[in-house]
Amino acid sequence: RRYKKYNIPQSDAAAEAVLTNSGLSMNIQTHECFL
């Protein structure tokens, strides 16, 4: 349940596809994270 919720791309258009913070970037759709 947790894996599907937080690790598989969501179809909810309201959800942010990319989360960022001072050089940290997380792409929810592609399950990629960069620092």
Full PDB file with SEQRES, HELIX, SHEET, SSBOND, CRYST1, ORIGX, SCALE, CONECT and MASTER records, all heavy atoms in Angstrom:
SEQRES   1 A   35  ARG ARG TYR LYS LYS TYR ASN ILE PRO GLN SER ASP ALA          
SEQRES   2 A   35  ALA ALA GLU ALA VAL LEU THR ASN SER GLY LEU SER MET          
SEQRES   3 A   35  ASN ILE GLN THR HIS GLU CYS PHE LEU                          
HELIX    1 AA1 ARG A    2  ASN A    7  1                                   6    
SHEET    1 AA1 3 VAL A  18  ASN A  21  0                                        
SHEET    2 AA1 3 LEU A  24  ASN A  27 -1                                        
SHEET    3 AA1 3 GLU A  32  PHE A  34 -1                                        
CRYST1    1.000    1.000    1.000  90.00  90.00  90.00 P 1           1          
ORIGX1      1.000000  0.000000  0.000000        0.00000                         
ORIGX2      0.000000  1.000000  0.000000        0.00000                         
ORIGX3      0.000000  0.000000  1.000000        0.00000                         
SCALE1      1.000000  0.000000  0.000000        0.00000                         
SCALE2      0.000000  1.000000  0.000000        0.00000                         
SCALE3      0.000000  0.000000  1.000000        0.00000                         
ATOM      1  N   ARG A   1       0.836  -1.198   0.000  1.00  0.00           N  
ATOM      2  CA  ARG A   1       0.000   0.000   0.000  1.00  0.00           C  
ATOM      3  C   ARG A   1       0.873   1.252   0.000  1.00  0.00           C  
ATOM      4  O   ARG A   1       0.642   2.197  -0.764  1.00  0.00           O  
ATOM      5  CB  ARG A   1      -0.921  -0.022   1.220  1.00  0.00           C  
ATOM      6  CG  ARG A   1      -1.963   1.077   1.247  1.00  0.00           C  
ATOM      7  CD  ARG A   1      -3.049   0.753   2.246  1.00  0.00           C  
ATOM      8  NE  ARG A   1      -2.521   0.565   3.588  1.00  0.00           N  
ATOM      9  CZ  ARG A   1      -2.632  -0.576   4.285  1.00  0.00           C  
ATOM     10  NH1 ARG A   1      -3.223  -1.636   3.755  1.00  0.00           N  
ATOM     11  NH2 ARG A   1      -2.145  -0.663   5.498  1.00  0.00           N  
ATOM     12  N   ARG A   2       1.893   1.265   0.838  1.00  0.00           N  
ATOM     13  CA  ARG A   2       2.784   2.410   0.909  1.00  0.00           C  
ATOM     14  C   ARG A   2       3.577   2.573  -0.378  1.00  0.00           C  
ATOM     15  O   ARG A   2       3.736   3.674  -0.905  1.00  0.00           O  
ATOM     16  CB  ARG A   2       3.719   2.228   2.114  1.00  0.00           C  
ATOM     17  CG  ARG A   2       4.607   3.427   2.421  1.00  0.00           C  
ATOM     18  CD  ARG A   2       5.947   3.342   1.735  1.00  0.00           C  
ATOM     19  NE  ARG A   2       6.551   2.056   1.948  1.00  0.00           N  
ATOM     20  CZ  ARG A   2       7.475   1.540   1.160  1.00  0.00           C  
ATOM     21  NH1 ARG A   2       7.866   2.184   0.095  1.00  0.00           N  
ATOM     22  NH2 ARG A   2       7.999   0.353   1.402  1.00  0.00           N  
ATOM     23  N   TYR A   3       4.049   1.456  -0.925  1.00  0.00           N  
ATOM     24  CA  TYR A   3       4.850   1.501  -2.146  1.00  0.00           C  
ATOM     25  C   TYR A   3       4.035   2.070  -3.310  1.00  0.00           C  
ATOM     26  O   TYR A   3       4.514   2.910  -4.075  1.00  0.00           O  
ATOM     27  CB  TYR A   3       5.342   0.100  -2.482  1.00  0.00           C  
ATOM     28  CG  TYR A   3       6.151   0.018  -3.749  1.00  0.00           C  
ATOM     29  CD1 TYR A   3       7.359   0.694  -3.863  1.00  0.00           C  
ATOM     30  CD2 TYR A   3       5.705  -0.734  -4.834  1.00  0.00           C  
ATOM     31  CE1 TYR A   3       8.115   0.618  -5.022  1.00  0.00           C  
ATOM     32  CE2 TYR A   3       6.453  -0.820  -5.991  1.00  0.00           C  
ATOM     33  CZ  TYR A   3       7.661  -0.141  -6.081  1.00  0.00           C  
ATOM     34  OH  TYR A   3       8.391  -0.219  -7.231  1.00  0.00           O  
ATOM     35  N   LYS A   4       2.793   1.612  -3.447  1.00  0.00           N  
ATOM     36  CA  LYS A   4       1.938   2.092  -4.531  1.00  0.00           C  
ATOM     37  C   LYS A   4       1.593   3.564  -4.348  1.00  0.00           C  
ATOM     38  O   LYS A   4       1.492   4.319  -5.309  1.00  0.00           O  
ATOM     39  CB  LYS A   4       0.654   1.268  -4.592  1.00  0.00           C  
ATOM     40  CG  LYS A   4       0.876  -0.174  -5.042  1.00  0.00           C  
ATOM     41  CD  LYS A   4      -0.403  -0.976  -4.979  1.00  0.00           C  
ATOM     42  CE  LYS A   4      -0.176  -2.421  -5.392  1.00  0.00           C  
ATOM     43  NZ  LYS A   4      -1.413  -3.230  -5.282  1.00  0.00           N  
ATOM     44  N   LYS A   5       1.465   3.964  -3.098  1.00  0.00           N  
ATOM     45  CA  LYS A   5       1.059   5.343  -2.829  1.00  0.00           C  
ATOM     46  C   LYS A   5       2.188   6.326  -3.071  1.00  0.00           C  
ATOM     47  O   LYS A   5       1.984   7.407  -3.646  1.00  0.00           O  
ATOM     48  CB  LYS A   5       0.570   5.472  -1.384  1.00  0.00           C  
ATOM     49  CG  LYS A   5       0.090   6.873  -1.014  1.00  0.00           C  
ATOM     50  CD  LYS A   5      -0.483   6.897   0.390  1.00  0.00           C  
ATOM     51  CE  LYS A   5      -0.993   8.285   0.754  1.00  0.00           C  
ATOM     52  NZ  LYS A   5      -1.561   8.319   2.132  1.00  0.00           N  
ATOM     53  N   TYR A   6       3.401   5.980  -2.659  1.00  0.00           N  
ATOM     54  CA  TYR A   6       4.496   6.934  -2.694  1.00  0.00           C  
ATOM     55  C   TYR A   6       5.576   6.654  -3.737  1.00  0.00           C  
ATOM     56  O   TYR A   6       6.461   7.464  -3.944  1.00  0.00           O  
ATOM     57  CB  TYR A   6       5.170   7.022  -1.317  1.00  0.00           C  
ATOM     58  CG  TYR A   6       4.308   7.746  -0.312  1.00  0.00           C  
ATOM     59  CD1 TYR A   6       3.640   7.052   0.684  1.00  0.00           C  
ATOM     60  CD2 TYR A   6       4.150   9.133  -0.372  1.00  0.00           C  
ATOM     61  CE1 TYR A   6       2.830   7.713   1.598  1.00  0.00           C  
ATOM     62  CE2 TYR A   6       3.352   9.802   0.528  1.00  0.00           C  
ATOM     63  CZ  TYR A   6       2.694   9.089   1.520  1.00  0.00           C  
ATOM     64  OH  TYR A   6       1.907   9.742   2.416  1.00  0.00           O  
ATOM     65  N   ASN A   7       5.523   5.500  -4.412  1.00  0.00           N  
ATOM     66  CA  ASN A   7       6.595   5.165  -5.324  1.00  0.00           C  
ATOM     67  C   ASN A   7       6.157   4.909  -6.756  1.00  0.00           C  
ATOM     68  O   ASN A   7       6.992   4.777  -7.636  1.00  0.00           O  
ATOM     69  CB  ASN A   7       7.347   3.933  -4.819  1.00  0.00           C  
ATOM     70  CG  ASN A   7       8.111   4.244  -3.551  1.00  0.00           C  
ATOM     71  OD1 ASN A   7       9.247   4.687  -3.601  1.00  0.00           O  
ATOM     72  ND2 ASN A   7       7.485   4.033  -2.406  1.00  0.00           N  
ATOM     73  N   ILE A   8       4.857   4.827  -6.999  1.00  0.00           N  
ATOM     74  CA  ILE A   8       4.360   4.622  -8.353  1.00  0.00           C  
ATOM     75  C   ILE A   8       3.675   5.902  -8.811  1.00  0.00           C  
ATOM     76  O   ILE A   8       2.922   6.502  -8.056  1.00  0.00           O  
ATOM     77  CB  ILE A   8       3.372   3.431  -8.399  1.00  0.00           C  
ATOM     78  CG1 ILE A   8       4.133   2.135  -8.077  1.00  0.00           C  
ATOM     79  CG2 ILE A   8       2.694   3.334  -9.752  1.00  0.00           C  
ATOM     80  CD1 ILE A   8       3.264   0.909  -8.063  1.00  0.00           C  
ATOM     81  N   PRO A   9       3.941   6.364 -10.030  1.00  0.00           N  
ATOM     82  CA  PRO A   9       3.368   7.609 -10.517  1.00  0.00           C  
ATOM     83  C   PRO A   9       1.859   7.690 -10.301  1.00  0.00           C  
ATOM     84  O   PRO A   9       1.133   6.740 -10.559  1.00  0.00           O  
ATOM     85  CB  PRO A   9       3.706   7.594 -12.013  1.00  0.00           C  
ATOM     86  CG  PRO A   9       4.949   6.775 -12.089  1.00  0.00           C  
ATOM     87  CD  PRO A   9       4.801   5.716 -11.046  1.00  0.00           C  
ATOM     88  N   GLN A  10       1.426   8.828  -9.810  1.00  0.00           N  
ATOM     89  CA  GLN A  10       0.015   9.041  -9.527  1.00  0.00           C  
ATOM     90  C   GLN A  10      -0.660   9.771 -10.682  1.00  0.00           C  
ATOM     91  O   GLN A  10      -0.042  10.587 -11.367  1.00  0.00           O  
ATOM     92  CB  GLN A  10      -0.153   9.867  -8.237  1.00  0.00           C  
ATOM     93  CG  GLN A  10       0.564   9.259  -7.028  1.00  0.00           C  
ATOM     94  CD  GLN A  10      -0.041   7.940  -6.609  1.00  0.00           C  
ATOM     95  OE1 GLN A  10      -1.251   7.834  -6.435  1.00  0.00           O  
ATOM     96  NE2 GLN A  10       0.788   6.935  -6.442  1.00  0.00           N  
ATOM     97  N   SER A  11      -1.932   9.502 -10.882  1.00  0.00           N  
ATOM     98  CA  SER A  11      -2.667  10.151 -11.966  1.00  0.00           C  
ATOM     99  C   SER A  11      -3.341  11.438 -11.504  1.00  0.00           C  
ATOM    100  O   SER A  11      -3.941  12.150 -12.288  1.00  0.00           O  
ATOM    101  CB  SER A  11      -3.735   9.189 -12.502  1.00  0.00           C  
ATOM    102  OG  SER A  11      -4.633   8.811 -11.470  1.00  0.00           O  
ATOM    103  N   ASP A  12      -3.249  11.734 -10.218  1.00  0.00           N  
ATOM    104  CA  ASP A  12      -3.883  12.924  -9.659  1.00  0.00           C  
ATOM    105  C   ASP A  12      -3.200  14.172 -10.221  1.00  0.00           C  
ATOM    106  O   ASP A  12      -2.033  14.452  -9.939  1.00  0.00           O  
ATOM    107  CB  ASP A  12      -3.764  12.905  -8.132  1.00  0.00           C  
ATOM    108  CG  ASP A  12      -4.510  14.072  -7.484  1.00  0.00           C  
ATOM    109  OD1 ASP A  12      -5.098  14.889  -8.224  1.00  0.00           O  
ATOM    110  OD2 ASP A  12      -4.497  14.157  -6.249  1.00  0.00           O  
ATOM    111  N   ALA A  13      -3.928  14.919 -11.018  1.00  0.00           N  
ATOM    112  CA  ALA A  13      -3.348  16.095 -11.662  1.00  0.00           C  
ATOM    113  C   ALA A  13      -2.972  17.158 -10.654  1.00  0.00           C  
ATOM    114  O   ALA A  13      -2.133  18.020 -10.914  1.00  0.00           O  
ATOM    115  CB  ALA A  13      -4.335  16.679 -12.679  1.00  0.00           C  
ATOM    116  N   ALA A  14      -3.579  17.114  -9.466  1.00  0.00           N  
ATOM    117  CA  ALA A  14      -3.313  18.130  -8.454  1.00  0.00           C  
ATOM    118  C   ALA A  14      -1.982  17.890  -7.762  1.00  0.00           C  
ATOM    119  O   ALA A  14      -1.424  18.774  -7.131  1.00  0.00           O  
ATOM    120  CB  ALA A  14      -4.442  18.157  -7.417  1.00  0.00           C  
ATOM    121  N   ALA A  15      -1.464  16.685  -7.849  1.00  0.00           N  
ATOM    122  CA  ALA A  15      -0.211  16.365  -7.178  1.00  0.00           C  
ATOM    123  C   ALA A  15       0.952  16.994  -7.925  1.00  0.00           C  
ATOM    124  O   ALA A  15       1.000  16.991  -9.151  1.00  0.00           O  
ATOM    125  CB  ALA A  15      -0.021  14.853  -7.104  1.00  0.00           C  
ATOM    126  N   GLU A  16       1.893  17.573  -7.170  1.00  0.00           N  
ATOM    127  CA  GLU A  16       3.059  18.172  -7.789  1.00  0.00           C  
ATOM    128  C   GLU A  16       3.956  17.083  -8.349  1.00  0.00           C  
ATOM    129  O   GLU A  16       4.298  16.134  -7.668  1.00  0.00           O  
ATOM    130  CB  GLU A  16       3.822  19.006  -6.762  1.00  0.00           C  
ATOM    131  CG  GLU A  16       3.130  20.299  -6.376  1.00  0.00           C  
ATOM    132  CD  GLU A  16       4.066  21.190  -5.575  1.00  0.00           C  
ATOM    133  OE1 GLU A  16       5.162  21.524  -6.073  1.00  0.00           O  
ATOM    134  OE2 GLU A  16       3.705  21.524  -4.447  1.00  0.00           O  
ATOM    135  N   ALA A  17       4.356  17.245  -9.609  1.00  0.00           N  
ATOM    136  CA  ALA A  17       5.206  16.240 -10.235  1.00  0.00           C  
ATOM    137  C   ALA A  17       6.641  16.337  -9.735  1.00  0.00           C  
ATOM    138  O   ALA A  17       7.340  15.339  -9.630  1.00  0.00           O  
ATOM    139  CB  ALA A  17       5.171  16.398 -11.742  1.00  0.00           C  
ATOM    140  N   VAL A  18       7.102  17.559  -9.413  1.00  0.00           N  
ATOM    141  CA  VAL A  18       8.475  17.770  -8.969  1.00  0.00           C  
ATOM    142  C   VAL A  18       8.477  18.559  -7.662  1.00  0.00           C  
ATOM    143  O   VAL A  18       7.842  19.602  -7.550  1.00  0.00           O  
ATOM    144  CB  VAL A  18       9.300  18.522 -10.025  1.00  0.00           C  
ATOM    145  CG1 VAL A  18      10.718  18.748  -9.530  1.00  0.00           C  
ATOM    146  CG2 VAL A  18       9.311  17.756 -11.342  1.00  0.00           C  
ATOM    147  N   LEU A  19       9.211  18.033  -6.670  1.00  0.00           N  
ATOM    148  CA  LEU A  19       9.379  18.704  -5.390  1.00  0.00           C  
ATOM    149  C   LEU A  19      10.820  19.171  -5.289  1.00  0.00           C  
ATOM    150  O   LEU A  19      11.746  18.414  -5.593  1.00  0.00           O  
ATOM    151  CB  LEU A  19       9.056  17.750  -4.234  1.00  0.00           C  
ATOM    152  CG  LEU A  19       7.653  17.133  -4.239  1.00  0.00           C  
ATOM    153  CD1 LEU A  19       7.544  16.043  -3.176  1.00  0.00           C  
ATOM    154  CD2 LEU A  19       6.590  18.203  -4.017  1.00  0.00           C  
ATOM    155  N   THR A  20      11.039  20.420  -4.870  1.00  0.00           N  
ATOM    156  CA  THR A  20      12.394  20.966  -4.826  1.00  0.00           C  
ATOM    157  C   THR A  20      12.672  21.655  -3.506  1.00  0.00           C  
ATOM    158  O   THR A  20      11.758  22.115  -2.819  1.00  0.00           O  
ATOM    159  CB  THR A  20      12.623  21.974  -5.970  1.00  0.00           C  
ATOM    160  OG1 THR A  20      11.691  23.054  -5.825  1.00  0.00           O  
ATOM    161  CG2 THR A  20      12.429  21.314  -7.320  1.00  0.00           C  
ATOM    162  N   ASN A  21      13.983  21.726  -3.191  1.00  0.00           N  
ATOM    163  CA  ASN A  21      14.416  22.467  -2.007  1.00  0.00           C  
ATOM    164  C   ASN A  21      15.933  22.639  -2.074  1.00  0.00           C  
ATOM    165  O   ASN A  21      16.680  21.686  -1.871  1.00  0.00           O  
ATOM    166  CB  ASN A  21      14.026  21.736  -0.724  1.00  0.00           C  
ATOM    167  CG  ASN A  21      14.412  22.512   0.525  1.00  0.00           C  
ATOM    168  OD1 ASN A  21      15.583  22.619   0.859  1.00  0.00           O  
ATOM    169  ND2 ASN A  21      13.418  23.035   1.219  1.00  0.00           N  
ATOM    170  N   SER A  22      16.378  23.822  -2.406  1.00  0.00           N  
ATOM    171  CA  SER A  22      17.791  24.192  -2.335  1.00  0.00           C  
ATOM    172  C   SER A  22      18.740  23.147  -2.918  1.00  0.00           C  
ATOM    173  O   SER A  22      19.578  22.585  -2.214  1.00  0.00           O  
ATOM    174  CB  SER A  22      18.176  24.466  -0.876  1.00  0.00           C  
ATOM    175  OG  SER A  22      19.496  24.942  -0.782  1.00  0.00           O  
ATOM    176  N   GLY A  23      18.597  22.871  -4.211  1.00  0.00           N  
ATOM    177  CA  GLY A  23      19.473  21.908  -4.863  1.00  0.00           C  
ATOM    178  C   GLY A  23      18.968  20.484  -4.837  1.00  0.00           C  
ATOM    179  O   GLY A  23      19.500  19.609  -5.529  1.00  0.00           O  
ATOM    180  N   LEU A  24      17.934  20.235  -4.030  1.00  0.00           N  
ATOM    181  CA  LEU A  24      17.328  18.908  -3.949  1.00  0.00           C  
ATOM    182  C   LEU A  24      16.094  18.885  -4.829  1.00  0.00           C  
ATOM    183  O   LEU A  24      15.227  19.757  -4.733  1.00  0.00           O  
ATOM    184  CB  LEU A  24      16.943  18.595  -2.505  1.00  0.00           C  
ATOM    185  CG  LEU A  24      16.291  17.232  -2.221  1.00  0.00           C  
ATOM    186  CD1 LEU A  24      17.258  16.103  -2.548  1.00  0.00           C  
ATOM    187  CD2 LEU A  24      15.864  17.153  -0.749  1.00  0.00           C  
ATOM    188  N   SER A  25      15.999  17.886  -5.716  1.00  0.00           N  
ATOM    189  CA  SER A  25      14.877  17.797  -6.642  1.00  0.00           C  
ATOM    190  C   SER A  25      14.359  16.370  -6.695  1.00  0.00           C  
ATOM    191  O   SER A  25      15.136  15.433  -6.917  1.00  0.00           O  
ATOM    192  CB  SER A  25      15.314  18.254  -8.046  1.00  0.00           C  
ATOM    193  OG  SER A  25      14.274  18.068  -8.982  1.00  0.00           O  
ATOM    194  N   MET A  26      13.047  16.196  -6.511  1.00  0.00           N  
ATOM    195  CA  MET A  26      12.427  14.872  -6.553  1.00  0.00           C  
ATOM    196  C   MET A  26      11.303  14.876  -7.587  1.00  0.00           C  
ATOM    197  O   MET A  26      10.370  15.678  -7.506  1.00  0.00           O  
ATOM    198  CB  MET A  26      11.860  14.500  -5.182  1.00  0.00           C  
ATOM    199  CG  MET A  26      11.050  13.206  -5.164  1.00  0.00           C  
ATOM    200  SD  MET A  26      10.421  12.768  -3.529  1.00  0.00           S  
ATOM    201  CE  MET A  26      11.910  12.115  -2.775  1.00  0.00           C  
ATOM    202  N   ASN A  27      11.421  13.993  -8.561  1.00  0.00           N  
ATOM    203  CA  ASN A  27      10.387  13.855  -9.586  1.00  0.00           C  
ATOM    204  C   ASN A  27       9.492  12.681  -9.208  1.00  0.00           C  
ATOM    205  O   ASN A  27       9.925  11.528  -9.240  1.00  0.00           O  
ATOM    206  CB  ASN A  27      11.021  13.640 -10.964  1.00  0.00           C  
ATOM    207  CG  ASN A  27       9.994  13.724 -12.075  1.00  0.00           C  
ATOM    208  OD1 ASN A  27       8.948  13.088 -12.011  1.00  0.00           O  
ATOM    209  ND2 ASN A  27      10.303  14.505 -13.098  1.00  0.00           N  
ATOM    210  N   ILE A  28       8.250  12.974  -8.852  1.00  0.00           N  
ATOM    211  CA  ILE A  28       7.316  11.944  -8.392  1.00  0.00           C  
ATOM    212  C   ILE A  28       6.947  10.998  -9.527  1.00  0.00           C  
ATOM    213  O   ILE A  28       6.821   9.782  -9.338  1.00  0.00           O  
ATOM    214  CB  ILE A  28       6.034  12.587  -7.822  1.00  0.00           C  
ATOM    215  CG1 ILE A  28       6.382  13.583  -6.713  1.00  0.00           C  
ATOM    216  CG2 ILE A  28       5.084  11.507  -7.305  1.00  0.00           C  
ATOM    217  CD1 ILE A  28       7.161  12.982  -5.570  1.00  0.00           C  
ATOM    218  N   GLN A  29       6.789  11.538 -10.736  1.00  0.00           N  
ATOM    219  CA  GLN A  29       6.346  10.725 -11.862  1.00  0.00           C  
ATOM    220  C   GLN A  29       7.406   9.718 -12.311  1.00  0.00           C  
ATOM    221  O   GLN A  29       7.083   8.569 -12.627  1.00  0.00           O  
ATOM    222  CB  GLN A  29       5.967  11.629 -13.045  1.00  0.00           C  
ATOM    223  CG  GLN A  29       4.822  12.582 -12.736  1.00  0.00           C  
ATOM    224  CD  GLN A  29       3.534  11.850 -12.380  1.00  0.00           C  
ATOM    225  OE1 GLN A  29       3.218  10.845 -12.992  1.00  0.00           O  
ATOM    226  NE2 GLN A  29       2.812  12.347 -11.405  1.00  0.00           N  
ATOM    227  N   THR A  30       8.667  10.134 -12.328  1.00  0.00           N  
ATOM    228  CA  THR A  30       9.727   9.252 -12.812  1.00  0.00           C  
ATOM    229  C   THR A  30      10.445   8.517 -11.684  1.00  0.00           C  
ATOM    230  O   THR A  30      11.332   7.702 -11.951  1.00  0.00           O  
ATOM    231  CB  THR A  30      10.771  10.044 -13.617  1.00  0.00           C  
ATOM    232  OG1 THR A  30      11.387  11.021 -12.755  1.00  0.00           O  
ATOM    233  CG2 THR A  30      10.111  10.737 -14.800  1.00  0.00           C  
ATOM    234  N   HIS A  31      10.072   8.835 -10.433  1.00  0.00           N  
ATOM    235  CA  HIS A  31      10.705   8.229  -9.258  1.00  0.00           C  
ATOM    236  C   HIS A  31      12.216   8.480  -9.266  1.00  0.00           C  
ATOM    237  O   HIS A  31      13.029   7.587  -9.029  1.00  0.00           O  
ATOM    238  CB  HIS A  31      10.410   6.726  -9.194  1.00  0.00           C  
ATOM    239  CG  HIS A  31      10.677   6.144  -7.832  1.00  0.00           C  
ATOM    240  ND1 HIS A  31      11.900   5.619  -7.471  1.00  0.00           N  
ATOM    241  CD2 HIS A  31       9.890   6.025  -6.755  1.00  0.00           C  
ATOM    242  CE1 HIS A  31      11.852   5.187  -6.225  1.00  0.00           C  
ATOM    243  NE2 HIS A  31      10.641   5.431  -5.769  1.00  0.00           N  
ATOM    244  N   GLU A  32      12.599   9.721  -9.556  1.00  0.00           N  
ATOM    245  CA  GLU A  32      14.007  10.112  -9.558  1.00  0.00           C  
ATOM    246  C   GLU A  32      14.235  11.209  -8.534  1.00  0.00           C  
ATOM    247  O   GLU A  32      13.363  12.050  -8.297  1.00  0.00           O  
ATOM    248  CB  GLU A  32      14.425  10.616 -10.937  1.00  0.00           C  
ATOM    249  CG  GLU A  32      14.398   9.557 -12.029  1.00  0.00           C  
ATOM    250  CD  GLU A  32      14.735  10.142 -13.380  1.00  0.00           C  
ATOM    251  OE1 GLU A  32      14.052  11.110 -13.785  1.00  0.00           O  
ATOM    252  OE2 GLU A  32      15.662   9.639 -14.028  1.00  0.00           O  
ATOM    253  N   CYS A  33      15.434  11.182  -7.944  1.00  0.00           N  
ATOM    254  CA  CYS A  33      15.786  12.205  -6.973  1.00  0.00           C  
ATOM    255  C   CYS A  33      17.223  12.649  -7.236  1.00  0.00           C  
ATOM    256  O   CYS A  33      18.116  11.809  -7.438  1.00  0.00           O  
ATOM    257  CB  CYS A  33      15.646  11.652  -5.553  1.00  0.00           C  
ATOM    258  SG  CYS A  33      15.731  12.934  -4.274  1.00  0.00           S  
ATOM    259  N   PHE A  34      17.434  13.971  -7.248  1.00  0.00           N  
ATOM    260  CA  PHE A  34      18.753  14.522  -7.533  1.00  0.00           C  
ATOM    261  C   PHE A  34      19.145  15.525  -6.464  1.00  0.00           C  
ATOM    262  O   PHE A  34      18.304  16.277  -5.954  1.00  0.00           O  
ATOM    263  CB  PHE A  34      18.772  15.226  -8.893  1.00  0.00           C  
ATOM    264  CG  PHE A  34      18.492  14.315 -10.056  1.00  0.00           C  
ATOM    265  CD1 PHE A  34      17.188  14.066 -10.464  1.00  0.00           C  
ATOM    266  CD2 PHE A  34      19.541  13.706 -10.737  1.00  0.00           C  
ATOM    267  CE1 PHE A  34      16.933  13.235 -11.538  1.00  0.00           C  
ATOM    268  CE2 PHE A  34      19.295  12.868 -11.813  1.00  0.00           C  
ATOM    269  CZ  PHE A  34      17.987  12.626 -12.217  1.00  0.00           C  
ATOM    270  N   LEU A  35      20.434  15.537  -6.131  1.00  0.00           N  
ATOM    271  CA  LEU A  35      20.979  16.533  -5.227  1.00  0.00           C  
ATOM    272  C   LEU A  35      22.117  17.235  -5.958  1.00  0.00           C  
ATOM    273  O   LEU A  35      23.135  16.615  -6.276  1.00  0.00           O  
ATOM    274  CB  LEU A  35      21.493  15.885  -3.937  1.00  0.00           C  
ATOM    275  CG  LEU A  35      22.073  16.840  -2.891  1.00  0.00           C  
ATOM    276  CD1 LEU A  35      21.026  17.874  -2.463  1.00  0.00           C  
ATOM    277  CD2 LEU A  35      22.590  16.071  -1.679  1.00  0.00           C  
TER     278      LEU A  35                                                      
MASTER        0    0    0    1    3    0    0    6  277    1    0    3          
END                                                                             
